[in-house]
Protein backbone atom coordinates (compact mmCIF):
# COMPACT_ATOMS: atom_id res chain seq x y z
CA MET A 1 -287.57 91.81 -105.00
CA ALA A 2 -287.61 92.04 -100.85
CA HIS A 3 -286.62 89.28 -99.04
CA GLU A 4 -289.03 88.07 -96.28
CA TRP A 5 -287.43 87.85 -92.71
CA THR A 6 -287.55 84.60 -91.05
CA GLY A 7 -285.19 84.98 -88.33
CA PRO A 8 -285.83 85.94 -84.52
CA VAL A 9 -286.14 89.32 -83.86
CA LEU A 10 -285.27 88.94 -80.31
CA ARG A 11 -283.13 86.53 -78.48
CA SER A 12 -284.82 84.59 -75.82
CA GLN A 13 -282.08 84.61 -73.71
CA PRO A 14 -279.34 87.40 -74.01
CA LEU A 15 -275.53 86.55 -75.40
CA LYS A 16 -273.27 86.23 -72.29
CA MET A 17 -270.25 88.31 -72.50
CA ASN A 18 -266.86 88.76 -71.63
CA GLY A 19 -262.84 90.26 -71.83
CA ALA A 20 -262.57 92.46 -74.23
CA ILE A 21 -265.82 92.38 -76.40
CA ASP A 22 -268.10 93.15 -73.30
CA SER A 23 -265.80 95.98 -73.02
CA ASP A 24 -265.69 97.05 -76.16
CA ALA A 25 -269.55 96.76 -75.95
CA GLN A 26 -269.99 98.88 -73.01
CA ALA A 27 -267.61 101.81 -74.54
CA LEU A 28 -269.73 101.37 -77.39
CA VAL A 29 -272.82 102.54 -75.27
CA GLU A 30 -270.83 105.02 -73.05
CA ILE A 31 -270.23 106.45 -76.91
CA ILE A 32 -273.74 106.26 -78.01
CA GLU A 33 -274.92 108.13 -74.66
CA LEU A 34 -272.15 111.08 -74.75
CA LYS A 35 -273.57 111.12 -78.48
CA TRP A 36 -277.32 111.93 -77.97
CA LEU A 37 -276.43 114.35 -74.92
CA LEU A 38 -274.15 116.04 -76.96
CA ALA A 39 -276.95 116.44 -78.92
CA GLY A 40 -278.80 118.09 -76.94
CA GLU A 41 -276.59 120.93 -76.65
CA GLY A 42 -276.03 121.06 -80.89
CA PHE A 43 -272.98 119.14 -81.12
CA HIS A 44 -273.03 116.47 -83.91
CA VAL A 45 -270.39 113.70 -82.55
CA HIS A 46 -269.11 111.71 -85.16
CA VAL A 47 -269.20 107.69 -83.40
CA GLU A 48 -266.66 106.34 -86.22
CA ARG A 49 -264.41 109.30 -85.55
CA LEU A 50 -265.00 109.25 -81.98
CA GLN A 51 -263.22 105.80 -82.57
CA SER A 52 -260.63 106.29 -84.06
CA ASP A 53 -259.18 109.50 -83.91
CA ARG A 54 -258.05 110.77 -80.53
CA ASP A 55 -257.83 114.23 -80.64
CA TYR A 56 -261.47 114.30 -81.84
CA ALA A 57 -262.24 112.57 -78.82
CA ARG A 58 -260.46 114.58 -76.48
CA GLN A 59 -261.56 117.87 -78.22
CA ALA A 60 -265.53 116.02 -78.01
CA LEU A 61 -264.66 115.21 -74.14
CA HIS A 62 -263.23 118.24 -73.52
CA ARG A 63 -266.49 119.74 -74.83
CA ALA A 64 -268.48 116.92 -72.63
CA ALA A 65 -266.66 117.99 -69.36
CA ALA A 66 -267.34 121.58 -69.80
CA SER A 67 -271.13 121.16 -70.05
CA PRO A 68 -273.70 122.36 -67.49
CA ASN A 69 -275.15 118.81 -67.68
CA PRO A 70 -274.06 117.25 -64.31
CA ALA A 71 -275.00 113.74 -66.64
CA LEU A 72 -272.99 114.62 -69.78
CA ARG A 73 -270.19 115.72 -67.51
CA GLU A 74 -270.41 111.86 -65.76
CA THR A 75 -270.56 110.64 -69.26
CA ALA A 76 -267.61 112.15 -70.15
CA LEU A 77 -265.01 110.58 -67.20
CA ARG A 78 -266.04 107.36 -67.57
CA LEU A 79 -265.83 107.55 -71.22
CA ARG A 80 -262.52 109.26 -70.77
CA THR A 81 -261.86 106.39 -68.85
CA LYS A 82 -262.67 103.47 -71.01
CA LEU A 83 -260.82 104.85 -74.05
CA ARG A 84 -257.93 105.29 -72.03
CA LEU A 85 -257.85 109.07 -72.76
CA THR A 86 -256.82 109.88 -69.18
CA ASP A 87 -253.70 111.87 -70.26
CA SER A 88 -255.56 115.10 -71.64
């Protein structure tokens, strides 16, 4: 039996986020952007693995940095900083 959704779909006011939560949320936005930009080049990104496997993240960001797409290269640079992978 399906249950009817009775809660609000959208919030009338956006949630105010700060600190680590805001940083984590912004990193996730960047990861999703990277995922879709790389998908356009035929490379599938596994979001959870990118968040937990530093070597996998480095490989994906390396591939993105080598792209002819400037938006993809810029996203990779921002995400590399957010994930603190500037050592690679």
